[in-house]
């Protein structure tokens, strides 16, 4: 399987959810983590924000095959937004492809009017199917891919169900290139940036936050992290051009797994203007049993 989306993993997209391999009411991804939700049947790769979705991010066929189903009439609206359909049809706009030998994939949550294939059409691996949307049961812009073999859901990261049950290492269905980009990350610093004042998680999800300038009343650094585990702590520090700490915050350990986690730090403008120079922020996810995840980002004023 090739990557199902035209994005740069680790920068403009990340895996949000894996297949849930727990047969009961609990949750277990293929590494025995909690980056899934109950009965989730596919892989979700999310993009940065709604602004990126509106600019257009292509969805791609993961392997050659024949299109057996297309839906392209569902509205693009988050399922928790006012006016969302009461019956969103879980997949929203999507494409089903028969790859032969009992293998079938379904790609979901695409933008209405973006689909570029038709039933009966033969497609190649990497061919454009449409674009990421907000159709169906979704709370953020992403592509969802489900894989079936002879009518049974298969986890492309762990296709051998016997080994998957005990989280033993195994060969995935991904190409070598896709597998490198999709390497498992327990807790990811995903969306980062600077703002001229306080921001919220929903405003980051929408995108289009204005960039601060030297006259901005505040300088705020913000971070969204995904798939934190119980015990993880988020830390964010903002430094001025001289390296001095302007603001820092270390949150208490999270009590349970968090699919999404938001934090910010900032400082009020000192005097008439911010000093000229490069401002740096550093985000860390501190874990009791693993090295920290670190992401640094800068702004020139």
Protein backbone atom coordinates (compact mmCIF):
# COMPACT_ATOMS: atom_id res chain seq x y z
CA UNK A 1 0.00 0.00 0.00
CA UNK A 2 1.21 3.46 -0.93
CA UNK A 3 0.44 6.55 1.15
CA UNK A 4 -3.26 7.48 0.66
CA UNK A 5 -2.74 11.24 0.90
CA UNK A 6 -0.47 13.86 -0.69
CA UNK A 7 1.11 15.32 2.44
CA UNK A 8 4.38 15.36 4.37
CA UNK A 9 4.15 13.08 7.39
CA UNK A 10 5.57 14.73 10.47
CA UNK A 11 5.02 18.24 9.11
CA UNK A 12 1.65 18.65 7.35
CA UNK A 13 -0.06 15.41 8.41
CA UNK A 14 0.06 12.66 11.03
CA UNK A 15 -1.74 9.44 11.93
CA UNK A 16 -4.47 10.24 14.44
CA UNK A 17 -6.17 6.83 14.78
CA UNK A 18 -5.27 3.24 14.03
CA UNK A 19 -7.46 0.14 13.78
CA UNK A 20 -8.87 -0.88 17.17
CA UNK A 21 -7.62 -4.43 17.79
CA UNK A 22 -9.39 -4.88 21.14
CA UNK A 23 -12.30 -7.28 20.68
CA UNK A 24 -14.17 -5.87 23.69
CA UNK A 25 -15.12 -2.37 24.80
CA UNK A 26 -11.49 -1.34 25.34
CA UNK A 27 -9.08 0.22 22.84
CA UNK A 28 -5.75 -1.15 21.56
CA UNK A 29 -3.72 -0.12 18.52
CA UNK A 30 -1.18 -2.43 16.87
CA UNK A 31 1.55 -1.36 19.31
CA UNK A 32 -0.70 -1.95 22.34
CA UNK A 33 -1.20 1.81 22.67
CA UNK A 34 -4.44 3.78 22.78
CA UNK A 35 -4.25 5.71 19.49
CA UNK A 36 -7.66 4.47 18.33
CA UNK A 37 -11.24 4.43 19.54
CA UNK A 38 -13.67 1.58 20.17
CA UNK A 39 -14.38 -0.45 17.02
CA UNK A 40 -12.46 1.92 14.73
CA UNK A 41 -11.94 -0.06 11.52
CA UNK A 42 -9.34 1.94 9.62
CA UNK A 43 -6.43 4.37 9.66
CA UNK A 44 -7.03 8.12 10.03
CA UNK A 45 -4.40 10.52 8.66
CA UNK A 46 -5.21 14.09 9.63
CA UNK A 47 -4.00 17.33 8.08
CA UNK A 48 -3.10 20.53 9.94
CA UNK A 49 -6.38 22.43 9.85
CA UNK A 50 -9.52 23.40 7.95
CA UNK A 51 -7.62 26.13 6.11
CA UNK A 52 -5.31 23.48 4.63
CA UNK A 53 -8.34 21.39 3.69
CA UNK A 54 -9.89 24.32 1.84
CA UNK A 55 -6.66 24.91 -0.07
CA UNK A 56 -6.88 21.29 -1.21
CA UNK A 57 -5.05 18.10 -0.22
CA UNK A 58 -5.27 15.20 -2.65
CA UNK A 59 -6.43 11.72 -1.63
CA UNK A 60 -4.65 8.90 -3.51
CA UNK A 61 -5.27 5.26 -4.36
CA UNK A 62 -3.12 2.99 -2.18
CA UNK A 63 -2.83 0.27 -4.83
CA UNK A 64 -4.04 -0.51 -8.37
CA UNK A 65 -7.58 -1.74 -8.78
CA UNK A 66 -11.10 -1.12 -10.09
CA UNK A 67 -13.48 1.42 -8.54
CA UNK A 68 -16.60 -0.35 -7.28
CA UNK A 69 -18.31 2.45 -5.38
CA UNK A 70 -18.42 6.24 -5.24
CA UNK A 71 -20.35 8.71 -3.08
CA UNK A 72 -20.06 12.46 -3.71
CA UNK A 73 -23.14 14.22 -2.38
CA UNK A 74 -22.53 14.62 1.35
CA UNK A 75 -21.91 18.18 2.70
CA UNK A 76 -18.55 19.23 4.14
CA UNK A 77 -19.37 20.02 7.75
CA UNK A 78 -17.91 18.68 11.00
CA UNK A 79 -20.29 16.22 12.62
CA UNK A 80 -20.36 18.24 15.87
CA UNK A 81 -21.02 21.59 14.15
CA UNK A 82 -24.43 23.35 14.15
CA UNK A 83 -26.45 22.27 11.13
CA UNK A 84 -24.60 18.97 10.63
CA UNK A 85 -26.77 16.15 9.21
CA UNK A 86 -28.39 13.98 11.87
CA UNK A 87 -27.43 10.94 9.75
CA UNK A 88 -24.00 11.81 8.33
CA UNK A 89 -23.35 8.34 6.83
CA UNK A 90 -20.20 7.47 8.68
CA UNK A 91 -17.87 7.42 5.65
CA UNK A 92 -19.24 10.56 4.02
CA UNK A 93 -17.98 10.99 0.47
CA UNK A 94 -15.69 8.15 -0.48
CA UNK A 95 -14.37 5.59 -2.93
CA UNK A 96 -14.30 1.79 -2.75
CA UNK A 97 -11.68 -0.05 -4.82
CA UNK A 98 -11.40 -3.79 -5.56
CA UNK A 99 -7.71 -4.68 -5.77
CA UNK A 100 -8.25 -8.32 -6.68
CA UNK A 101 -7.59 -11.48 -4.68
CA UNK A 102 -10.24 -10.55 -2.10
CA UNK A 103 -8.58 -7.24 -1.20
CA UNK A 104 -10.78 -4.11 -1.03
CA UNK A 105 -10.13 -0.60 0.32
CA UNK A 106 -12.56 2.16 1.21
CA UNK A 107 -11.42 5.79 1.44
CA UNK A 108 -13.65 8.21 3.37
CA UNK A 109 -14.44 11.82 4.39
CA UNK A 110 -13.61 13.39 1.03
CA UNK A 111 -14.69 16.85 -0.12
CA UNK A 112 -17.98 17.09 -1.98
CA UNK A 113 -17.40 17.74 -5.67
CA UNK A 114 -13.73 16.72 -5.53
CA UNK A 115 -14.02 13.06 -6.55
CA UNK A 116 -12.31 12.38 -9.87
CA UNK A 117 -13.06 8.68 -10.50
CA UNK A 118 -16.14 6.69 -11.50
CA UNK A 119 -17.46 3.19 -10.90
CA UNK A 120 -15.81 0.71 -13.24
CA UNK A 121 -12.70 2.85 -13.73
CA UNK A 122 -9.30 1.21 -13.32
CA UNK A 123 -6.89 3.23 -11.17
CA UNK A 124 -3.16 3.05 -10.50
CA UNK A 125 -1.39 3.27 -7.16
CA UNK A 126 -0.94 6.93 -6.28
CA UNK A 127 -3.68 8.11 -8.63
CA UNK A 128 -5.78 11.04 -7.40
CA UNK A 129 -9.22 10.00 -6.17
CA UNK A 130 -10.35 13.38 -4.83
CA UNK A 131 -9.46 15.64 -1.93
CA UNK A 132 -9.64 15.61 1.86
CA UNK A 133 -12.96 16.94 3.10
CA UNK A 134 -15.17 17.13 6.17
CA UNK A 135 -17.99 14.85 5.04
CA UNK A 136 -19.51 12.11 7.15
CA UNK A 137 -18.79 11.46 10.83
CA UNK A 138 -15.64 13.54 11.31
CA UNK A 139 -14.54 16.21 13.79
CA UNK A 140 -11.34 17.24 11.95
CA UNK A 141 -10.11 17.14 8.33
CA UNK A 142 -8.59 13.77 7.54
CA UNK A 143 -8.66 10.77 5.27
CA UNK A 144 -9.85 7.41 6.61
CA UNK A 145 -8.81 4.16 4.90
CA UNK A 146 -10.27 0.74 5.71
CA UNK A 147 -8.75 -2.45 4.28
CA UNK A 148 -10.68 -5.71 3.83
CA UNK A 149 -9.50 -9.20 2.87
CA UNK A 150 -12.35 -11.56 1.97
CA UNK A 151 -14.80 -9.34 3.84
CA UNK A 152 -12.76 -9.09 7.05
CA UNK A 153 -11.13 -5.88 8.28
CA UNK A 154 -7.33 -6.01 8.15
CA UNK A 155 -4.98 -3.65 9.95
CA UNK A 156 -2.42 -2.61 7.29
CA UNK A 157 0.15 -2.10 10.06
CA UNK A 158 -0.44 -5.61 11.44
CA UNK A 159 -2.10 -7.83 8.82
CA UNK A 160 -1.40 -11.07 10.71
CA UNK A 161 -4.25 -11.06 13.23
CA UNK A 162 -2.61 -13.70 15.47
CA UNK A 163 0.53 -11.61 15.91
CA UNK A 164 -1.46 -8.39 16.15
CA UNK A 165 -3.38 -9.67 19.16
CA UNK A 166 -0.13 -9.77 21.18
CA UNK A 167 1.43 -6.71 19.50
CA UNK A 168 4.32 -8.76 18.12
CA UNK A 169 6.39 -7.11 15.34
CA UNK A 170 5.42 -8.09 11.81
CA UNK A 171 5.67 -6.92 8.21
CA UNK A 172 3.04 -4.35 7.27
CA UNK A 173 1.17 -3.89 3.98
CA UNK A 174 2.79 -0.48 3.37
CA UNK A 175 5.49 0.19 0.82
CA UNK A 176 8.93 0.79 2.30
CA UNK A 177 8.63 4.53 1.65
CA UNK A 178 5.18 4.79 3.21
CA UNK A 179 6.23 2.65 6.19
CA UNK A 180 9.12 4.99 6.99
CA UNK A 181 6.82 8.00 7.09
CA UNK A 182 4.14 6.13 9.03
CA UNK A 183 6.50 4.87 11.76
CA UNK A 184 4.65 4.64 15.07
CA UNK A 185 4.94 7.70 17.32
CA UNK A 186 3.58 7.58 20.88
CA UNK A 187 2.48 11.17 21.39
CA UNK A 188 3.03 13.70 18.63
CA UNK A 189 3.57 17.47 18.70
CA UNK A 190 1.45 18.23 15.67
CA UNK A 191 0.36 21.83 15.14
CA UNK A 192 2.59 24.71 16.26
CA UNK A 193 2.72 28.42 15.70
CA UNK A 194 2.71 31.98 17.00
CA UNK A 195 -0.25 34.31 17.50
CA UNK A 196 -0.71 37.99 18.41
CA UNK A 197 -2.99 37.07 21.31
CA UNK A 198 -4.66 34.13 23.07
CA UNK A 199 -5.97 31.33 20.86
CA UNK A 200 -8.13 28.27 21.48
CA UNK A 201 -7.99 24.68 20.32
CA UNK A 202 -10.96 25.21 17.93
CA UNK A 203 -9.33 28.32 16.42
CA UNK A 204 -6.14 26.33 15.74
CA UNK A 205 -8.28 23.62 14.11
CA UNK A 206 -9.76 26.22 11.77
CA UNK A 207 -6.35 27.66 10.83
CA UNK A 208 -5.63 31.09 9.41
CA UNK A 209 -4.33 32.53 12.71
CA UNK A 210 -2.67 35.90 11.98
CA UNK A 211 1.09 36.20 12.35
CA UNK A 212 2.32 38.57 15.11
CA UNK A 213 4.34 41.66 14.23
CA UNK A 214 6.45 44.03 16.34
CA UNK A 215 3.39 46.05 17.37
CA UNK A 216 1.28 43.08 18.50
CA UNK A 217 0.02 43.47 22.05
CA UNK A 218 1.06 39.90 22.86
CA UNK A 219 3.38 37.23 21.56
CA UNK A 220 1.88 33.78 22.06
CA UNK A 221 3.33 30.37 21.17
CA UNK A 222 0.84 27.53 20.83
CA UNK A 223 0.92 23.76 20.35
CA UNK A 224 -1.54 21.00 19.64
CA UNK A 225 -0.37 17.49 20.53
CA UNK A 226 -2.13 14.25 19.62
CA UNK A 227 -2.33 10.80 21.21
CA UNK A 228 -0.86 11.56 24.62
CA UNK A 229 -0.84 8.68 27.08
CA UNK A 230 -1.65 8.69 30.77
CA UNK A 231 1.36 10.07 32.63
CA UNK A 232 2.64 12.26 29.77
CA UNK A 233 3.37 15.94 30.53
CA UNK A 234 3.36 18.78 28.02
CA UNK A 235 5.88 21.60 28.33
CA UNK A 236 6.17 24.79 26.27
CA UNK A 237 8.82 27.53 26.53
CA UNK A 238 9.11 30.84 24.66
CA UNK A 239 12.48 32.62 24.38
CA UNK A 240 13.44 36.08 23.13
CA UNK A 241 16.16 37.02 20.64
CA UNK A 242 18.76 37.06 23.41
CA UNK A 243 17.82 33.53 24.53
CA UNK A 244 16.11 34.70 27.73
CA UNK A 245 12.95 32.84 28.74
CA UNK A 246 9.90 35.04 28.16
CA UNK A 247 7.32 32.48 29.29
CA UNK A 248 7.21 28.79 30.14
CA UNK A 249 4.69 26.28 31.39
CA UNK A 250 4.82 22.59 32.30
CA UNK A 251 1.45 20.93 32.65
CA UNK A 252 0.65 18.25 35.19
CA UNK A 253 0.72 14.65 33.93
CA UNK A 254 -2.44 13.77 32.03
CA UNK A 255 -4.62 11.36 33.96
CA UNK A 256 -5.82 9.40 30.91
CA UNK A 257 -5.09 9.09 27.22
CA UNK A 258 -5.80 12.24 25.23
CA UNK A 259 -6.55 12.15 21.50
CA UNK A 260 -5.84 15.88 21.31
CA UNK A 261 -4.15 18.25 23.76
CA UNK A 262 -3.66 22.02 23.53
CA UNK A 263 -1.39 24.46 25.35
CA UNK A 264 -0.02 27.98 24.93
CA UNK A 265 2.36 30.42 26.61
CA UNK A 266 2.81 34.11 25.94
CA UNK A 267 3.92 37.51 27.11
CA UNK A 268 2.59 41.05 26.85
CA UNK A 269 4.56 43.44 24.60
CA UNK A 270 7.30 45.29 26.51
CA UNK A 271 7.02 48.96 25.57
CA UNK A 272 6.15 50.31 22.14
CA UNK A 273 7.42 47.37 20.08
CA UNK A 274 8.93 43.92 20.35
CA UNK A 275 12.72 43.93 19.95
CA UNK A 276 13.96 42.95 16.50
CA UNK A 277 15.20 39.39 16.26
CA UNK A 278 14.29 35.72 16.22
CA UNK A 279 11.89 34.35 18.85
CA UNK A 280 12.05 30.63 19.56
CA UNK A 281 9.59 28.21 21.13
CA UNK A 282 10.27 24.68 22.25
CA UNK A 283 7.54 22.12 22.91
CA UNK A 284 8.22 18.88 24.75
CA UNK A 285 6.18 15.82 25.61
CA UNK A 286 7.77 14.40 28.76
CA UNK A 287 7.18 10.69 29.42
CA UNK A 288 7.96 8.47 32.39
CA UNK A 289 9.28 5.60 30.23
CA UNK A 290 10.48 7.08 26.92
CA UNK A 291 12.73 9.90 25.73
CA UNK A 292 10.84 13.19 25.30
CA UNK A 293 9.36 14.29 21.99
CA UNK A 294 10.72 17.74 21.11
CA UNK A 295 9.70 20.30 18.52
CA UNK A 296 11.23 23.74 18.05
CA UNK A 297 9.79 26.57 15.96
CA UNK A 298 10.79 30.18 15.42
CA UNK A 299 9.42 33.58 14.39
CA UNK A 300 11.41 36.53 13.05
CA UNK A 301 10.20 39.97 14.10
